């Protein structure tokens, strides 16, 4: 049996810090998060996702990049969240890590000009308002340091998702920010 160092990060079991199931791999967790369907985490699907055939299928390629990118983001926040305060620059970096190779044209930048986002019936605020809204979100989060941490994170998450600052990846980044802040608080 190979030692843990010889197993790629994608296939290593998650530590108890990440989930209570123990046997689920980071690969499955990140793929399930990005596709929001855990049914794809069967071992036969792992092989398909990583095979040469997948290079010809754009949808599978998209899911592979989502999975790899989310694994990189999870690894990054696990190492950096405790020492690095959450800032707008950190949010942009995390977005760039998450969206690279998927939408390089929008990776690591907020919506601008005429980039409006609609999700169902909801239309996000004008791109001209994004930066001000996010700065206010961060000020309010930091000013409420005596408030219950779960309430603080929930308020930040609501403000972030309401603003929908990116063209793509807002939900995924919103969940990443929740985890980033929970790690900073020792959870």
Protein backbone atom coordinates (compact mmCIF):
# COMPACT_ATOMS: atom_id res chain seq x y z
CA UNK A 1 0.00 0.00 0.00
CA UNK A 2 1.31 3.43 -0.93
CA UNK A 3 1.91 6.09 1.67
CA UNK A 4 -0.30 9.19 1.75
CA UNK A 5 2.44 11.29 0.12
CA UNK A 6 2.22 9.18 -3.06
CA UNK A 7 -1.55 9.61 -3.40
CA UNK A 8 -2.58 12.71 -5.35
CA UNK A 9 -4.38 15.28 -3.20
CA UNK A 10 -7.55 14.79 -5.23
CA UNK A 11 -7.86 11.18 -4.04
CA UNK A 12 -6.74 11.53 -0.44
CA UNK A 13 -9.49 11.02 2.10
CA UNK A 14 -10.70 14.20 3.74
CA UNK A 15 -9.55 14.88 7.25
CA UNK A 16 -12.21 14.96 9.95
CA UNK A 17 -11.96 18.77 9.77
CA UNK A 18 -13.70 18.68 6.39
CA UNK A 19 -16.43 16.10 6.88
CA UNK A 20 -17.57 13.42 9.24
CA UNK A 21 -17.78 10.66 6.63
CA UNK A 22 -14.01 10.14 6.59
CA UNK A 23 -13.91 7.97 3.48
CA UNK A 24 -15.13 10.54 0.98
CA UNK A 25 -12.30 11.97 -1.09
CA UNK A 26 -11.59 15.61 -1.78
CA UNK A 27 -12.24 14.78 -5.42
CA UNK A 28 -15.81 13.72 -4.70
CA UNK A 29 -16.50 16.55 -2.30
CA UNK A 30 -15.31 19.20 -4.70
CA UNK A 31 -17.01 17.63 -7.72
CA UNK A 32 -20.26 17.24 -5.82
CA UNK A 33 -20.04 20.87 -4.74
CA UNK A 34 -19.38 22.16 -8.24
CA UNK A 35 -22.01 20.02 -9.93
CA UNK A 36 -24.30 19.88 -6.88
CA UNK A 37 -24.95 16.20 -7.57
CA UNK A 38 -23.21 13.63 -5.39
CA UNK A 39 -24.36 10.78 -7.65
CA UNK A 40 -21.36 11.48 -9.89
CA UNK A 41 -18.93 10.49 -7.14
CA UNK A 42 -19.04 6.78 -7.90
CA UNK A 43 -15.60 5.36 -8.65
CA UNK A 44 -16.52 4.50 -12.25
CA UNK A 45 -17.29 8.18 -12.85
CA UNK A 46 -13.91 9.26 -11.45
CA UNK A 47 -12.24 7.18 -14.14
CA UNK A 48 -14.46 8.69 -16.85
CA UNK A 49 -13.77 12.22 -15.66
CA UNK A 50 -10.04 11.72 -15.81
CA UNK A 51 -9.87 9.72 -19.04
CA UNK A 52 -8.78 10.98 -22.43
CA UNK A 53 -12.39 10.72 -23.63
CA UNK A 54 -13.32 13.59 -21.34
CA UNK A 55 -11.05 15.96 -23.27
CA UNK A 56 -13.49 15.74 -26.20
CA UNK A 57 -16.56 16.53 -24.12
CA UNK A 58 -16.83 20.20 -23.07
CA UNK A 59 -19.29 19.48 -20.25
CA UNK A 60 -16.98 16.92 -18.68
CA UNK A 61 -13.99 19.24 -19.20
CA UNK A 62 -15.93 21.97 -17.40
CA UNK A 63 -16.60 19.61 -14.49
CA UNK A 64 -12.96 18.52 -14.35
CA UNK A 65 -11.77 22.13 -14.12
CA UNK A 66 -14.46 22.92 -11.54
CA UNK A 67 -13.28 19.98 -9.47
CA UNK A 68 -9.56 20.71 -9.75
CA UNK A 69 -10.07 24.41 -9.11
CA UNK A 70 -12.25 23.83 -6.07
CA UNK A 71 -9.70 21.37 -4.69
CA UNK A 72 -7.01 24.08 -5.09
CA UNK A 73 -9.23 26.63 -3.35
CA UNK A 74 -10.00 24.26 -0.46
CA UNK A 75 -6.29 23.53 -0.03
CA UNK A 76 -5.46 27.25 -0.16
CA UNK A 77 -8.03 28.32 2.44
CA UNK A 78 -7.00 25.46 4.70
CA UNK A 79 -3.44 26.85 4.69
CA UNK A 80 -4.08 30.60 4.55
CA UNK A 81 -7.38 31.46 6.25
CA UNK A 82 -6.03 31.54 9.81
CA UNK A 83 -3.19 33.92 8.95
CA UNK A 84 -4.79 36.06 6.23
CA UNK A 85 -7.74 38.35 6.92
CA UNK A 86 -10.55 38.23 4.38
CA UNK A 87 -10.31 41.24 2.06
CA UNK A 88 -11.68 42.10 -1.37
CA UNK A 89 -8.27 41.20 -2.82
CA UNK A 90 -8.51 37.74 -1.22
CA UNK A 91 -12.03 37.32 -2.63
CA UNK A 92 -10.72 38.21 -6.11
CA UNK A 93 -7.84 35.75 -5.74
CA UNK A 94 -10.19 32.96 -4.66
CA UNK A 95 -12.48 33.71 -7.61
CA UNK A 96 -9.53 33.62 -10.01
CA UNK A 97 -8.45 30.26 -8.60
CA UNK A 98 -11.99 28.91 -8.87
CA UNK A 99 -12.83 30.11 -12.40
CA UNK A 100 -9.46 29.80 -14.17
CA UNK A 101 -9.51 27.56 -17.26
CA UNK A 102 -13.29 27.83 -17.25
CA UNK A 103 -13.91 31.53 -17.88
CA UNK A 104 -10.51 33.22 -17.98
CA UNK A 105 -12.12 36.39 -19.36
CA UNK A 106 -13.93 36.98 -16.04
CA UNK A 107 -11.70 35.14 -13.56
CA UNK A 108 -10.58 37.29 -10.64
CA UNK A 109 -12.56 40.43 -11.43
CA UNK A 110 -15.89 41.91 -10.41
CA UNK A 111 -18.68 42.61 -12.90
CA UNK A 112 -18.21 45.83 -14.85
CA UNK A 113 -19.83 48.03 -17.50
CA UNK A 114 -22.94 46.32 -18.85
CA UNK A 115 -22.40 42.95 -17.17
CA UNK A 116 -25.74 42.41 -15.49
CA UNK A 117 -26.61 39.13 -13.79
CA UNK A 118 -30.04 37.59 -13.59
CA UNK A 119 -30.81 34.46 -11.56
CA UNK A 120 -34.40 33.37 -12.06
CA UNK A 121 -36.50 36.45 -11.34
CA UNK A 122 -33.72 38.16 -9.39
CA UNK A 123 -31.61 40.83 -11.11
CA UNK A 124 -28.41 41.66 -9.24
CA UNK A 125 -27.48 45.30 -8.56
CA UNK A 126 -25.90 47.43 -11.26
CA UNK A 127 -22.20 46.63 -11.80
CA UNK A 128 -21.40 50.24 -10.83
CA UNK A 129 -22.65 49.45 -7.30
CA UNK A 130 -20.67 46.23 -6.78
CA UNK A 131 -17.49 47.65 -5.25
CA UNK A 132 -19.31 49.99 -2.85
CA UNK A 133 -21.63 47.19 -1.72
CA UNK A 134 -18.72 44.81 -1.08
CA UNK A 135 -16.73 47.44 0.81
CA UNK A 136 -19.80 48.11 2.99
CA UNK A 137 -20.22 44.34 3.49
CA UNK A 138 -16.63 44.04 4.77
CA UNK A 139 -16.91 47.11 7.04
CA UNK A 140 -20.13 45.78 8.59
CA UNK A 141 -18.64 42.31 9.07
CA UNK A 142 -15.52 43.66 10.78
CA UNK A 143 -17.48 46.17 12.91
CA UNK A 144 -19.71 43.44 14.35
CA UNK A 145 -16.85 41.50 15.97
CA UNK A 146 -18.77 41.04 19.25
CA UNK A 147 -21.77 39.50 17.47
CA UNK A 148 -22.27 35.72 17.20
CA UNK A 149 -19.94 34.45 14.46
CA UNK A 150 -22.64 32.43 12.70
CA UNK A 151 -24.88 35.51 12.48
CA UNK A 152 -21.96 37.60 11.21
CA UNK A 153 -21.10 35.09 8.51
CA UNK A 154 -24.76 34.70 7.54
CA UNK A 155 -25.12 38.47 7.13
CA UNK A 156 -21.95 38.65 5.05
CA UNK A 157 -23.14 35.73 2.92
CA UNK A 158 -26.53 37.36 2.34
CA UNK A 159 -24.91 40.68 1.34
CA UNK A 160 -22.46 38.87 -0.95
CA UNK A 161 -25.09 36.77 -2.71
CA UNK A 162 -27.45 39.75 -3.01
CA UNK A 163 -24.67 41.76 -4.69
CA UNK A 164 -23.69 38.86 -6.97
CA UNK A 165 -20.37 40.57 -7.75
CA UNK A 166 -19.17 38.09 -10.38
CA UNK A 167 -20.52 37.01 -13.75
CA UNK A 168 -20.16 33.36 -12.72
CA UNK A 169 -19.21 31.46 -9.59
CA UNK A 170 -21.06 33.58 -7.01
CA UNK A 171 -22.66 30.62 -5.22
CA UNK A 172 -19.43 28.62 -5.12
CA UNK A 173 -17.39 31.60 -3.93
CA UNK A 174 -20.07 32.44 -1.37
CA UNK A 175 -19.74 28.95 0.12
CA UNK A 176 -15.93 29.24 0.01
CA UNK A 177 -16.13 32.54 1.93
CA UNK A 178 -18.31 30.89 4.59
CA UNK A 179 -15.66 28.20 5.06
CA UNK A 180 -12.82 30.73 4.97
CA UNK A 181 -14.39 32.72 7.81
CA UNK A 182 -15.27 29.61 9.83
CA UNK A 183 -11.65 28.42 9.58
CA UNK A 184 -10.47 31.88 10.71
CA UNK A 185 -12.71 31.52 13.75
CA UNK A 186 -11.33 28.10 14.65
CA UNK A 187 -14.09 25.86 13.32
